[in-house]
Amino acid sequence: MGNPFVHVELSSADLPASKGFYGALFDWKLTDIPLPGGGSYTLVDVGGGTGGGMLVSPVPGTPSAWLPYVAVEDLKASTAKAASLGATLIMDNVAVLEMGWLSIFRDPTGALLGMWQAKG
């Protein structure tokens, strides 16, 4: 069986507006958690299925966009494989709090995708 989508993340140009819109539209439970160094990350609990998160776009002036993440068992090997197949790495093996690690790449057609390796 293939690797599942496990998380969907919104980088928002206006986080309060995004939280208000999606919270009202889908009745999602939104929980803010503090980030080291300031700011917060909003966890999205959808009740069942794949949840996600929201954050202020890390690149000012960029439009809001959703980014899906796929689970992998070995992030370093999967990231290297993506690069060998023509992907351009955007973020490479970044630790996320005490939860795991992520990489983000742009595929050869220009689409962005994240990969996630949970800790433990």
PDB file of N, CA and C in Angstrom:
ATOM      1  N   MET A   1       0.843  -1.184   0.000  1.00  0.00           N
ATOM      2  CA  MET A   1       0.000   0.000   0.000  1.00  0.00           C
ATOM      3  C   MET A   1       0.879   1.236   0.000  1.00  0.00           C
ATOM      4  N   GLY A   2       0.434   2.277  -0.648  1.00  0.00           N
ATOM      5  CA  GLY A   2       1.193   3.522  -0.749  1.00  0.00           C
ATOM      6  C   GLY A   2       1.185   4.334   0.529  1.00  0.00           C
ATOM      7  N   ASN A   3       1.919   5.405   0.501  1.00  0.00           N
ATOM      8  CA  ASN A   3       2.016   6.302   1.651  1.00  0.00           C
ATOM      9  C   ASN A   3       0.781   7.196   1.726  1.00  0.00           C
ATOM     10  N   PRO A   4       0.176   7.344   2.916  1.00  0.00           N
ATOM     11  CA  PRO A   4      -1.045   8.144   3.053  1.00  0.00           C
ATOM     12  C   PRO A   4      -0.765   9.628   3.274  1.00  0.00           C
ATOM     13  N   PHE A   5      -1.730  10.446   2.888  1.00  0.00           N
ATOM     14  CA  PHE A   5      -1.715  11.837   3.306  1.00  0.00           C
ATOM     15  C   PHE A   5      -2.037  11.858   4.791  1.00  0.00           C
ATOM     16  N   VAL A   6      -1.265  12.633   5.580  1.00  0.00           N
ATOM     17  CA  VAL A   6      -1.453  12.621   7.024  1.00  0.00           C
ATOM     18  C   VAL A   6      -1.701  13.992   7.636  1.00  0.00           C
ATOM     19  N   HIS A   7      -1.497  15.056   6.875  1.00  0.00           N
ATOM     20  CA  HIS A   7      -1.625  16.399   7.440  1.00  0.00           C
ATOM     21  C   HIS A   7      -1.813  17.361   6.274  1.00  0.00           C
ATOM     22  N   VAL A   8      -2.635  18.374   6.471  1.00  0.00           N
ATOM     23  CA  VAL A   8      -2.818  19.415   5.463  1.00  0.00           C
ATOM     24  C   VAL A   8      -2.657  20.750   6.181  1.00  0.00           C
ATOM     25  N   GLU A   9      -1.807  21.618   5.624  1.00  0.00           N
ATOM     26  CA  GLU A   9      -1.432  22.850   6.330  1.00  0.00           C
ATOM     27  C   GLU A   9      -1.713  24.078   5.476  1.00  0.00           C
ATOM     28  N   LEU A  10      -2.311  25.082   6.099  1.00  0.00           N
ATOM     29  CA  LEU A  10      -2.587  26.341   5.422  1.00  0.00           C
ATOM     30  C   LEU A  10      -1.575  27.384   5.874  1.00  0.00           C
ATOM     31  N   SER A  11      -0.807  27.905   4.924  1.00  0.00           N
ATOM     32  CA  SER A  11       0.013  29.094   5.161  1.00  0.00           C
ATOM     33  C   SER A  11      -0.852  30.263   4.735  1.00  0.00           C
ATOM     34  N   SER A  12      -1.228  31.104   5.696  1.00  0.00           N
ATOM     35  CA  SER A  12      -2.235  32.135   5.433  1.00  0.00           C
ATOM     36  C   SER A  12      -1.644  33.539   5.459  1.00  0.00           C
ATOM     37  N   ALA A  13      -2.083  34.355   4.507  1.00  0.00           N
ATOM     38  CA  ALA A  13      -1.718  35.765   4.482  1.00  0.00           C
ATOM     39  C   ALA A  13      -2.506  36.542   5.539  1.00  0.00           C
ATOM     40  N   ASP A  14      -3.620  35.972   6.026  1.00  0.00           N
ATOM     41  CA  ASP A  14      -4.454  36.596   7.062  1.00  0.00           C
ATOM     42  C   ASP A  14      -5.005  35.484   7.945  1.00  0.00           C
ATOM     43  N   LEU A  15      -4.222  35.076   8.929  1.00  0.00           N
ATOM     44  CA  LEU A  15      -4.583  33.930   9.757  1.00  0.00           C
ATOM     45  C   LEU A  15      -5.907  34.112  10.505  1.00  0.00           C
ATOM     46  N   PRO A  16      -6.172  35.245  11.146  1.00  0.00           N
ATOM     47  CA  PRO A  16      -7.474  35.387  11.814  1.00  0.00           C
ATOM     48  C   PRO A  16      -8.651  35.212  10.850  1.00  0.00           C
ATOM     49  N   ALA A  17      -8.539  35.748   9.644  1.00  0.00           N
ATOM     50  CA  ALA A  17      -9.623  35.590   8.662  1.00  0.00           C
ATOM     51  C   ALA A  17      -9.766  34.134   8.241  1.00  0.00           C
ATOM     52  N   SER A  18      -8.633  33.444   8.035  1.00  0.00           N
ATOM     53  CA  SER A  18      -8.684  32.023   7.662  1.00  0.00           C
ATOM     54  C   SER A  18      -9.325  31.194   8.763  1.00  0.00           C
ATOM     55  N   LYS A  19      -8.930  31.442  10.002  1.00  0.00           N
ATOM     56  CA  LYS A  19      -9.498  30.687  11.129  1.00  0.00           C
ATOM     57  C   LYS A  19     -11.003  30.921  11.227  1.00  0.00           C
ATOM     58  N   GLY A  20     -11.430  32.163  11.081  1.00  0.00           N
ATOM     59  CA  GLY A  20     -12.854  32.468  11.140  1.00  0.00           C
ATOM     60  C   GLY A  20     -13.631  31.802  10.019  1.00  0.00           C
ATOM     61  N   PHE A  21     -13.101  31.870   8.813  1.00  0.00           N
ATOM     62  CA  PHE A  21     -13.785  31.292   7.654  1.00  0.00           C
ATOM     63  C   PHE A  21     -13.900  29.778   7.766  1.00  0.00           C
ATOM     64  N   TYR A  22     -12.765  29.089   7.934  1.00  0.00           N
ATOM     65  CA  TYR A  22     -12.793  27.620   7.939  1.00  0.00           C
ATOM     66  C   TYR A  22     -13.448  27.049   9.195  1.00  0.00           C
ATOM     67  N   GLY A  23     -13.271  27.739  10.323  1.00  0.00           N
ATOM     68  CA  GLY A  23     -13.945  27.289  11.541  1.00  0.00           C
ATOM     69  C   GLY A  23     -15.457  27.325  11.393  1.00  0.00           C
ATOM     70  N   ALA A  24     -15.954  28.394  10.778  1.00  0.00           N
ATOM     71  CA  ALA A  24     -17.406  28.526  10.571  1.00  0.00           C
ATOM     72  C   ALA A  24     -17.906  27.607   9.465  1.00  0.00           C
ATOM     73  N   LEU A  25     -17.137  27.480   8.399  1.00  0.00           N
ATOM     74  CA  LEU A  25     -17.579  26.674   7.257  1.00  0.00           C
ATOM     75  C   LEU A  25     -17.668  25.198   7.600  1.00  0.00           C
ATOM     76  N   PHE A  26     -16.650  24.663   8.274  1.00  0.00           N
ATOM     77  CA  PHE A  26     -16.577  23.224   8.497  1.00  0.00           C
ATOM     78  C   PHE A  26     -16.747  22.796   9.948  1.00  0.00           C
ATOM     79  N   ASP A  27     -16.932  23.731  10.861  1.00  0.00           N
ATOM     80  CA  ASP A  27     -17.068  23.422  12.280  1.00  0.00           C
ATOM     81  C   ASP A  27     -15.842  22.680  12.817  1.00  0.00           C
ATOM     82  N   TRP A  28     -14.662  23.056  12.332  1.00  0.00           N
ATOM     83  CA  TRP A  28     -13.424  22.454  12.813  1.00  0.00           C
ATOM     84  C   TRP A  28     -13.096  22.975  14.203  1.00  0.00           C
ATOM     85  N   LYS A  29     -12.457  22.143  15.009  1.00  0.00           N
ATOM     86  CA  LYS A  29     -11.942  22.573  16.302  1.00  0.00           C
ATOM     87  C   LYS A  29     -10.529  23.107  16.056  1.00  0.00           C
ATOM     88  N   LEU A  30     -10.309  24.379  16.388  1.00  0.00           N
ATOM     89  CA  LEU A  30      -9.017  25.030  16.166  1.00  0.00           C
ATOM     90  C   LEU A  30      -8.362  25.312  17.511  1.00  0.00           C
ATOM     91  N   THR A  31      -7.129  24.860  17.674  1.00  0.00           N
ATOM     92  CA  THR A  31      -6.405  25.036  18.931  1.00  0.00           C
ATOM     93  C   THR A  31      -5.040  25.639  18.642  1.00  0.00           C
ATOM     94  N   ASP A  32      -4.766  26.800  19.250  1.00  0.00           N
ATOM     95  CA  ASP A  32      -3.472  27.446  19.071  1.00  0.00           C
ATOM     96  C   ASP A  32      -2.452  26.880  20.060  1.00  0.00           C
ATOM     97  N   ILE A  33      -1.263  26.569  19.546  1.00  0.00           N
ATOM     98  CA  ILE A  33      -0.159  26.147  20.410  1.00  0.00           C
ATOM     99  C   ILE A  33       1.004  27.114  20.181  1.00  0.00           C
ATOM    100  N   PRO A  34       1.695  27.513  21.272  1.00  0.00           N
ATOM    101  CA  PRO A  34       2.810  28.457  21.114  1.00  0.00           C
ATOM    102  C   PRO A  34       3.999  27.805  20.421  1.00  0.00           C
ATOM    103  N   LEU A  35       4.707  28.623  19.651  1.00  0.00           N
ATOM    104  CA  LEU A  35       5.917  28.163  18.974  1.00  0.00           C
ATOM    105  C   LEU A  35       7.141  28.728  19.685  1.00  0.00           C
ATOM    106  N   PRO A  36       8.220  27.967  19.719  1.00  0.00           N
ATOM    107  CA  PRO A  36       9.450  28.515  20.289  1.00  0.00           C
ATOM    108  C   PRO A  36       9.866  29.766  19.515  1.00  0.00           C
ATOM    109  N   GLY A  37      10.247  30.796  20.219  1.00  0.00           N
ATOM    110  CA  GLY A  37      10.645  32.029  19.553  1.00  0.00           C
ATOM    111  C   GLY A  37       9.491  32.969  19.257  1.00  0.00           C
ATOM    112  N   GLY A  38       8.279  32.610  19.679  1.00  0.00           N
ATOM    113  CA  GLY A  38       7.126  33.480  19.478  1.00  0.00           C
ATOM    114  C   GLY A  38       6.188  32.986  18.401  1.00  0.00           C
ATOM    115  N   GLY A  39       5.006  33.548  18.405  1.00  0.00           N
ATOM    116  CA  GLY A  39       3.992  33.145  17.455  1.00  0.00           C
ATOM    117  C   GLY A  39       3.278  31.886  17.893  1.00  0.00           C
ATOM    118  N   SER A  40       2.380  31.418  17.060  1.00  0.00           N
ATOM    119  CA  SER A  40       1.634  30.213  17.385  1.00  0.00           C
ATOM    120  C   SER A  40       1.318  29.432  16.120  1.00  0.00           C
ATOM    121  N   TYR A  41       0.921  28.197  16.331  1.00  0.00           N
ATOM    122  CA  TYR A  41       0.497  27.301  15.259  1.00  0.00           C
ATOM    123  C   TYR A  41      -0.902  26.843  15.627  1.00  0.00           C
ATOM    124  N   THR A  42      -1.818  26.874  14.684  1.00  0.00           N
ATOM    125  CA  THR A  42      -3.195  26.467  14.944  1.00  0.00           C
ATOM    126  C   THR A  42      -3.396  25.038  14.464  1.00  0.00           C
ATOM    127  N   LEU A  43      -3.672  24.137  15.403  1.00  0.00           N
ATOM    128  CA  LEU A  43      -3.994  22.755  15.061  1.00  0.00           C
ATOM    129  C   LEU A  43      -5.441  22.691  14.597  1.00  0.00           C
ATOM    130  N   VAL A  44      -5.692  21.912  13.546  1.00  0.00           N
ATOM    131  CA  VAL A  44      -7.035  21.733  13.000  1.00  0.00           C
ATOM    132  C   VAL A  44      -7.474  20.304  13.286  1.00  0.00           C
ATOM    133  N   ASP A  45      -8.483  20.160  14.134  1.00  0.00           N
ATOM    134  CA  ASP A  45      -9.055  18.855  14.460  1.00  0.00           C
ATOM    135  C   ASP A  45     -10.363  18.734  13.699  1.00  0.00           C
ATOM    136  N   VAL A  46     -10.402  17.819  12.747  1.00  0.00           N
ATOM    137  CA  VAL A  46     -11.589  17.655  11.909  1.00  0.00           C
ATOM    138  C   VAL A  46     -12.538  16.591  12.451  1.00  0.00           C
ATOM    139  N   GLY A  47     -12.151  15.968  13.558  1.00  0.00           N
ATOM    140  CA  GLY A  47     -12.987  14.940  14.165  1.00  0.00           C
ATOM    141  C   GLY A  47     -12.638  13.548  13.695  1.00  0.00           C
ATOM    142  N   GLY A  48     -12.516  13.342  12.420  1.00  0.00           N
ATOM    143  CA  GLY A  48     -12.135  12.063  11.835  1.00  0.00           C
ATOM    144  C   GLY A  48     -11.428  12.330  10.522  1.00  0.00           C
ATOM    145  N   GLY A  49     -10.567  11.458  10.134  1.00  0.00           N
ATOM    146  CA  GLY A  49      -9.825  11.679   8.896  1.00  0.00           C
ATOM    147  C   GLY A  49      -8.580  12.510   9.132  1.00  0.00           C
ATOM    148  N   THR A  50      -8.031  13.044   8.075  1.00  0.00           N
ATOM    149  CA  THR A  50      -6.783  13.787   8.138  1.00  0.00           C
ATOM    150  C   THR A  50      -7.021  15.206   8.616  1.00  0.00           C
ATOM    151  N   GLY A  51      -6.358  15.558   9.700  1.00  0.00           N
ATOM    152  CA  GLY A  51      -6.419  16.915  10.230  1.00  0.00           C
ATOM    153  C   GLY A  51      -5.301  17.745   9.663  1.00  0.00           C
ATOM    154  N   GLY A  52      -5.046  18.866  10.306  1.00  0.00           N
ATOM    155  CA  GLY A  52      -3.998  19.719   9.783  1.00  0.00           C
ATOM    156  C   GLY A  52      -3.659  20.858  10.696  1.00  0.00           C
ATOM    157  N   GLY A  53      -3.246  21.940  10.083  1.00  0.00           N
ATOM    158  CA  GLY A  53      -2.837  23.114  10.827  1.00  0.00           C
ATOM    159  C   GLY A  53      -2.882  24.359   9.973  1.00  0.00           C
ATOM    160  N   MET A  54      -2.729  25.492  10.668  1.00  0.00           N
ATOM    161  CA  MET A  54      -2.694  26.794  10.006  1.00  0.00           C
ATOM    162  C   MET A  54      -1.609  27.629  10.661  1.00  0.00           C
ATOM    163  N   LEU A  55      -0.956  28.451   9.853  1.00  0.00           N
ATOM    164  CA  LEU A  55       0.034  29.369  10.376  1.00  0.00           C
ATOM    165  C   LEU A  55       0.107  30.589   9.486  1.00  0.00           C
ATOM    166  N   VAL A  56       0.701  31.664  10.027  1.00  0.00           N
ATOM    167  CA  VAL A  56       0.945  32.849   9.222  1.00  0.00           C
ATOM    168  C   VAL A  56       1.972  32.465   8.175  1.00  0.00           C
ATOM    169  N   SER A  57       1.728  32.859   6.947  1.00  0.00           N
ATOM    170  CA  SER A  57       2.647  32.529   5.861  1.00  0.00           C
ATOM    171  C   SER A  57       4.057  32.978   6.222  1.00  0.00           C
ATOM    172  N   PRO A  58       5.030  32.062   6.126  1.00  0.00           N
ATOM    173  CA  PRO A  58       6.402  32.428   6.490  1.00  0.00           C
ATOM    174  C   PRO A  58       7.074  33.353   5.481  1.00  0.00           C
ATOM    175  N   VAL A  59       6.453  33.538   4.322  1.00  0.00           N
ATOM    176  CA  VAL A  59       7.012  34.423   3.295  1.00  0.00           C
ATOM    177  C   VAL A  59       6.014  35.565   3.072  1.00  0.00           C
ATOM    178  N   PRO A  60       6.287  36.750   3.670  1.00  0.00           N
ATOM    179  CA  PRO A  60       5.356  37.871   3.520  1.00  0.00           C
ATOM    180  C   PRO A  60       5.073  38.184   2.051  1.00  0.00           C
ATOM    181  N   GLY A  61       3.819  38.525   1.778  1.00  0.00           N
ATOM    182  CA  GLY A  61       3.432  38.900   0.428  1.00  0.00           C
ATOM    183  C   GLY A  61       3.020  37.745  -0.466  1.00  0.00           C
ATOM    184  N   THR A  62       3.152  36.510   0.026  1.00  0.00           N
ATOM    185  CA  THR A  62       2.731  35.368  -0.790  1.00  0.00           C
ATOM    186  C   THR A  62       1.254  35.086  -0.543  1.00  0.00           C
ATOM    187  N   PRO A  63       0.564  34.557  -1.530  1.00  0.00           N
ATOM    188  CA  PRO A  63      -0.854  34.242  -1.337  1.00  0.00           C
ATOM    189  C   PRO A  63      -1.020  33.043  -0.400  1.00  0.00           C
ATOM    190  N   SER A  64      -2.160  32.969   0.220  1.00  0.00           N
ATOM    191  CA  SER A  64      -2.482  31.826   1.070  1.00  0.00           C
ATOM    192  C   SER A  64      -2.525  30.560   0.224  1.00  0.00           C
ATOM    193  N   ALA A  65      -2.063  29.445   0.804  1.00  0.00           N
ATOM    194  CA  ALA A  65      -2.060  28.183   0.059  1.00  0.00           C
ATOM    195  C   ALA A  65      -2.070  27.004   1.022  1.00  0.00           C
ATOM    196  N   TRP A  66      -2.762  25.943   0.615  1.00  0.00           N
ATOM    197  CA  TRP A  66      -2.783  24.683   1.356  1.00  0.00           C
ATOM    198  C   TRP A  66      -1.631  23.802   0.875  1.00  0.00           C
ATOM    199  N   LEU A  67      -1.018  23.059   1.817  1.00  0.00           N
ATOM    200  CA  LEU A  67       0.069  22.140   1.497  1.00  0.00           C
ATOM    201  C   LEU A  67      -0.204  20.795   2.170  1.00  0.00           C
ATOM    202  N   PRO A  68      -0.359  19.731   1.377  1.00  0.00           N
ATOM    203  CA  PRO A  68      -0.551  18.402   1.970  1.00  0.00           C
ATOM    204  C   PRO A  68       0.794  17.772   2.341  1.00  0.00           C
ATOM    205  N   TYR A  69       0.749  16.893   3.340  1.00  0.00           N
ATOM    206  CA  TYR A  69       1.925  16.132   3.775  1.00  0.00           C
ATOM    207  C   TYR A  69       1.623  14.641   3.656  1.00  0.00           C
ATOM    208  N   VAL A  70       2.621  13.883   3.231  1.00  0.00           N
ATOM    209  CA  VAL A  70       2.526  12.436   3.080  1.00  0.00           C
ATOM    210  C   VAL A  70       3.452  11.797   4.110  1.00  0.00           C
ATOM    211  N   ALA A  71       2.989  10.748   4.777  1.00  0.00           N
ATOM    212  CA  ALA A  71       3.800  10.039   5.776  1.00  0.00           C
ATOM    213  C   ALA A  71       4.862   9.189   5.086  1.00  0.00           C
ATOM    214  N   VAL A  72       6.073   9.207   5.661  1.00  0.00           N
ATOM    215  CA  VAL A  72       7.160   8.357   5.192  1.00  0.00           C
ATOM    216  C   VAL A  72       7.835   7.729   6.408  1.00  0.00           C
ATOM    217  N   GLU A  73       8.455   6.567   6.204  1.00  0.00           N
ATOM    218  CA  GLU A  73       9.149   5.896   7.307  1.00  0.00           C
ATOM    219  C   GLU A  73      10.558   6.432   7.511  1.00  0.00           C
ATOM    220  N   ASP A  74      11.214   6.843   6.432  1.00  0.00           N
ATOM    221  CA  ASP A  74      12.587   7.336   6.492  1.00  0.00           C
ATOM    222  C   ASP A  74      12.658   8.637   5.711  1.00  0.00           C
ATOM    223  N   LEU A  75      12.559   9.758   6.423  1.00  0.00           N
ATOM    224  CA  LEU A  75      12.488  11.057   5.770  1.00  0.00           C
ATOM    225  C   LEU A  75      13.748  11.369   4.966  1.00  0.00           C
ATOM    226  N   LYS A  76      14.905  11.078   5.514  1.00  0.00           N
ATOM    227  CA  LYS A  76      16.150  11.379   4.797  1.00  0.00           C
ATOM    228  C   LYS A  76      16.215  10.613   3.479  1.00  0.00           C
ATOM    229  N   ALA A  77      15.875   9.339   3.506  1.00  0.00           N
ATOM    230  CA  ALA A  77      15.905   8.535   2.280  1.00  0.00           C
ATOM    231  C   ALA A  77      14.838   9.007   1.289  1.00  0.00           C
ATOM    232  N   SER A  78      13.648   9.331   1.776  1.00  0.00           N
ATOM    233  CA  SER A  78      12.571   9.786   0.884  1.00  0.00           C
ATOM    234  C   SER A  78      12.893  11.139   0.277  1.00  0.00           C
ATOM    235  N   THR A  79      13.516  12.016   1.060  1.00  0.00           N
ATOM    236  CA  THR A  79      13.904  13.328   0.553  1.00  0.00           C
ATOM    237  C   THR A  79      14.975  13.175  -0.528  1.00  0.00           C
ATOM    238  N   ALA A  80      15.946  12.320  -0.276  1.00  0.00           N
ATOM    239  CA  ALA A  80      16.996  12.065  -1.275  1.00  0.00           C
ATOM    240  C   ALA A  80      16.397  11.462  -2.543  1.00  0.00           C
ATOM    241  N   LYS A  81      15.432  10.562  -2.385  1.00  0.00           N
ATOM    242  CA  LYS A  81      14.797   9.945  -3.556  1.00  0.00           C
ATOM    243  C   LYS A  81      14.036  10.988  -4.366  1.00  0.00           C
ATOM    244  N   ALA A  82      13.301  11.873  -3.678  1.00  0.00           N
ATOM    245  CA  ALA A  82      12.562  12.926  -4.384  1.00  0.00           C
ATOM    246  C   ALA A  82      13.534  13.799  -5.183  1.00  0.00           C
ATOM    247  N   ALA A  83      14.652  14.161  -4.569  1.00  0.00           N
ATOM    248  CA  ALA A  83      15.650  14.980  -5.268  1.00  0.00           C
ATOM    249  C   ALA A  83      16.225  14.239  -6.474  1.00  0.00           C
ATOM    250  N   SER A  84      16.465  12.947  -6.318  1.00  0.00           N
ATOM    251  CA  SER A  84      17.025  12.167  -7.429  1.00  0.00           C
ATOM    252  C   SER A  84      16.044  12.043  -8.594  1.00  0.00           C
ATOM    253  N   LEU A  85      14.755  12.201  -8.294  1.00  0.00           N
ATOM    254  CA  LEU A  85      13.722  12.120  -9.333  1.00  0.00           C
ATOM    255  C   LEU A  85      13.395  13.488  -9.932  1.00  0.00           C
ATOM    256  N   GLY A  86      14.143  14.518  -9.513  1.00  0.00           N
ATOM    257  CA  GLY A  86      13.970  15.837 -10.107  1.00  0.00           C
ATOM    258  C   GLY A  86      13.303  16.880  -9.252  1.00  0.00           C
ATOM    259  N   ALA A  87      13.001  16.560  -7.979  1.00  0.00           N
ATOM    260  CA  ALA A  87      12.375  17.537  -7.086  1.00  0.00           C
ATOM    261  C   ALA A  87      13.398  18.591  -6.657  1.00  0.00           C
ATOM    262  N   THR A  88      12.895  19.790  -6.382  1.00  0.00           N
ATOM    263  CA  THR A  88      13.699  20.869  -5.819  1.00  0.00           C
ATOM    264  C   THR A  88      13.346  20.983  -4.341  1.00  0.00           C
ATOM    265  N   LEU A  89      14.321  20.835  -3.469  1.00  0.00           N
ATOM    266  CA  LEU A  89      14.060  20.882  -2.032  1.00  0.00           C
ATOM    267  C   LEU A  89      13.825  22.317  -1.576  1.00  0.00           C
ATOM    268  N   ILE A  90      12.754  22.506  -0.832  1.00  0.00           N
ATOM    269  CA  ILE A  90      12.412  23.806  -0.259  1.00  0.00           C
ATOM    270  C   ILE A  90      12.839  23.836   1.203  1.00  0.00           C
ATOM    271  N   MET A  91      12.518  22.779   1.945  1.00  0.00           N
ATOM    272  CA  MET A  91      12.948  22.594   3.338  1.00  0.00           C
ATOM    273  C   MET A  91      13.408  21.146   3.453  1.00  0.00           C
ATOM    274  N   ASP A  92      14.542  20.943   4.086  1.00  0.00           N
ATOM    275  CA  ASP A  92      15.141  19.621   4.122  1.00  0.00           C
ATOM    276  C   ASP A  92      15.303  19.119   5.550  1.00  0.00           C
ATOM    277  N   ASN A  93      14.518  18.114   5.922  1.00  0.00           N
ATOM    278  CA  ASN A  93      14.656  17.435   7.206  1.00  0.00           C
ATOM    279  C   ASN A  93      14.666  18.392   8.396  1.00  0.00           C
ATOM    280  N   VAL A  94      13.546  19.080   8.605  1.00  0.00           N
ATOM    281  CA  VAL A  94      13.395  20.060   9.676  1.00  0.00           C
ATOM    282  C   VAL A  94      12.673  19.416  10.852  1.00  0.00           C
ATOM    283  N   ALA A  95      13.241  19.540  12.052  1.00  0.00           N
ATOM    284  CA  ALA A  95      12.595  19.030  13.272  1.00  0.00           C
ATOM    285  C   ALA A  95      11.409  19.927  13.628  1.00  0.00           C
ATOM    286  N   VAL A  96      10.307  19.297  14.062  1.00  0.00           N
ATOM    287  CA  VAL A  96       9.105  20.021  14.473  1.00  0.00           C
ATOM    288  C   VAL A  96       8.811  19.676  15.919  1.00  0.00           C
ATOM    289  N   LEU A  97       9.131  20.629  16.799  1.00  0.00           N
ATOM    290  CA  LEU A  97       8.955  20.444  18.240  1.00  0.00           C
ATOM    291  C   LEU A  97       9.446  19.047  18.633  1.00  0.00           C
ATOM    292  N   GLU A  98       8.658  18.314  19.379  1.00  0.00           N
ATOM    293  CA  GLU A  98       9.010  16.937  19.771  1.00  0.00           C
ATOM    294  C   GLU A  98       8.169  15.914  19.000  1.00  0.00           C
ATOM    295  N   MET A  99       7.603  16.345  17.863  1.00  0.00           N
ATOM    296  CA  MET A  99       6.660  15.496  17.139  1.00  0.00           C
ATOM    297  C   MET A  99       7.270  14.696  15.998  1.00  0.00           C
ATOM    298  N   GLY A 100       8.271  15.243  15.311  1.00  0.00           N
ATOM    299  CA  GLY A 100       8.843  14.548  14.165  1.00  0.00           C
ATOM    300  C   GLY A 100       9.628  15.489  13.282  1.00  0.00           C
ATOM    301  N   TRP A 101       9.707  15.143  11.987  1.00  0.00           N
ATOM    302  CA  TRP A 101      10.502  15.894  11.026  1.00  0.00           C
ATOM    303  C   TRP A 101       9.735  16.043   9.726  1.00  0.00           C
ATOM    304  N   LEU A 102      10.031  17.128   9.004  1.00  0.00           N
ATOM    305  CA  LEU A 102       9.386  17.344   7.716  1.00  0.00           C
ATOM    306  C   LEU A 102      10.392  17.783   6.669  1.00  0.00           C
ATOM    307  N   SER A 103      10.052  17.535   5.436  1.00  0.00           N
ATOM    308  CA  SER A 103      10.728  18.083   4.271  1.00  0.00           C
ATOM    309  C   SER A 103       9.640  18.580   3.329  1.00  0.00           C
ATOM    310  N   ILE A 104       9.957  19.628   2.578  1.00  0.00           N
ATOM    311  CA  ILE A 104       9.031  20.158   1.577  1.00  0.00           C
ATOM    312  C   ILE A 104       9.799  20.282   0.271  1.00  0.00           C
ATOM    313  N   PHE A 105       9.156  19.853  -0.812  1.00  0.00           N
ATOM    314  CA  PHE A 105       9.802  19.956  -2.115  1.00  0.00           C
ATOM    315  C   PHE A 105       8.821  20.429  -3.174  1.00  0.00           C
ATOM    316  N   ARG A 106       9.387  20.894  -4.283  1.00  0.00           N
ATOM    317  CA  ARG A 106       8.613  21.240  -5.475  1.00  0.00           C
ATOM    318  C   ARG A 106       8.886  20.140  -6.485  1.00  0.00           C
ATOM    319  N   ASP A 107       7.834  19.478  -6.978  1.00  0.00           N
ATOM    320  CA  ASP A 107       8.038  18.389  -7.942  1.00  0.00           C
ATOM    321  C   ASP A 107       8.426  18.952  -9.310  1.00  0.00           C
ATOM    322  N   PRO A 108       8.814  18.098 -10.237  1.00  0.00           N
ATOM    323  CA  PRO A 108       9.246  18.598 -11.551  1.00  0.00           C
ATOM    324  C   PRO A 108       8.179  19.389 -12.316  1.00  0.00           C
ATOM    325  N   THR A 109       6.899  19.264 -11.933  1.00  0.00           N
ATOM    326  CA  THR A 109       5.846  20.032 -12.609  1.00  0.00           C
ATOM    327  C   THR A 109       5.540  21.346 -11.897  1.00  0.00           C
ATOM    328  N   GLY A 110       6.165  21.575 -10.724  1.00  0.00           N
ATOM    329  CA  GLY A 110       5.968  22.821  -9.988  1.00  0.00           C
ATOM    330  C   GLY A 110       5.084  22.718  -8.760  1.00  0.00           C
ATOM    331  N   ALA A 111       4.473  21.563  -8.505  1.00  0.00           N
ATOM    332  CA  ALA A 111       3.596  21.402  -7.346  1.00  0.00           C
ATOM    333  C   ALA A 111       4.415  21.206  -6.073  1.00  0.00           C
ATOM    334  N   LEU A 112       3.934  21.785  -4.968  1.00  0.00           N
ATOM    335  CA  LEU A 112       4.577  21.611  -3.672  1.00  0.00           C
ATOM    336  C   LEU A 112       3.967  20.428  -2.925  1.00  0.00           C
ATOM    337  N   LEU A 113       4.810  19.711  -2.184  1.00  0.00           N
ATOM    338  CA  LEU A 113       4.339  18.619  -1.343  1.00  0.00           C
ATOM    339  C   LEU A 113       5.278  18.504  -0.150  1.00  0.00           C
ATOM    340  N   GLY A 114       4.710  18.159   1.001  1.00  0.00           N
ATOM    341  CA  GLY A 114       5.500  17.929   2.192  1.00  0.00           C
ATOM    342  C   GLY A 114       5.546  16.436   2.508  1.00  0.00           C
ATOM    343  N   MET A 115       6.619  16.030   3.167  1.00  0.00           N
ATOM    344  CA  MET A 115       6.720  14.658   3.689  1.00  0.00           C
ATOM    345  C   MET A 115       6.929  14.758   5.182  1.00  0.00           C
ATOM    346  N   TRP A 116       6.378  13.784   5.913  1.00  0.00           N
ATOM    347  CA  TRP A 116       6.374  13.802   7.371  1.00  0.00           C
ATOM    348  C   TRP A 116       6.838  12.451   7.921  1.00  0.00           C
ATOM    349  N   GLN A 117       7.778  12.492   8.849  1.00  0.00           N
ATOM    350  CA  GLN A 117       8.181  11.311   9.612  1.00  0.00           C
ATOM    351  C   GLN A 117       7.902  11.591  11.077  1.00  0.00           C
ATOM    352  N   ALA A 118       6.948  10.880  11.637  1.00  0.00           N
ATOM    353  CA  ALA A 118       6.602  11.053  13.046  1.00  0.00           C
ATOM    354  C   ALA A 118       7.715  10.510  13.926  1.00  0.00           C
ATOM    355  N   LYS A 119       7.916  11.144  15.063  1.00  0.00           N
ATOM    356  CA  LYS A 119       8.917  10.689  16.010  1.00  0.00           C
ATOM    357  C   LYS A 119       8.402   9.438  16.717  1.00  0.00           C
ATOM    358  N   GLY A 120       9.316   8.509  16.908  1.00  0.00           N
ATOM    359  CA  GLY A 120       8.967   7.374  17.735  1.00  0.00           C
ATOM    360  C   GLY A 120       8.668   6.149  17.049  1.00  0.00           C
TER     361      GLY A 120
END
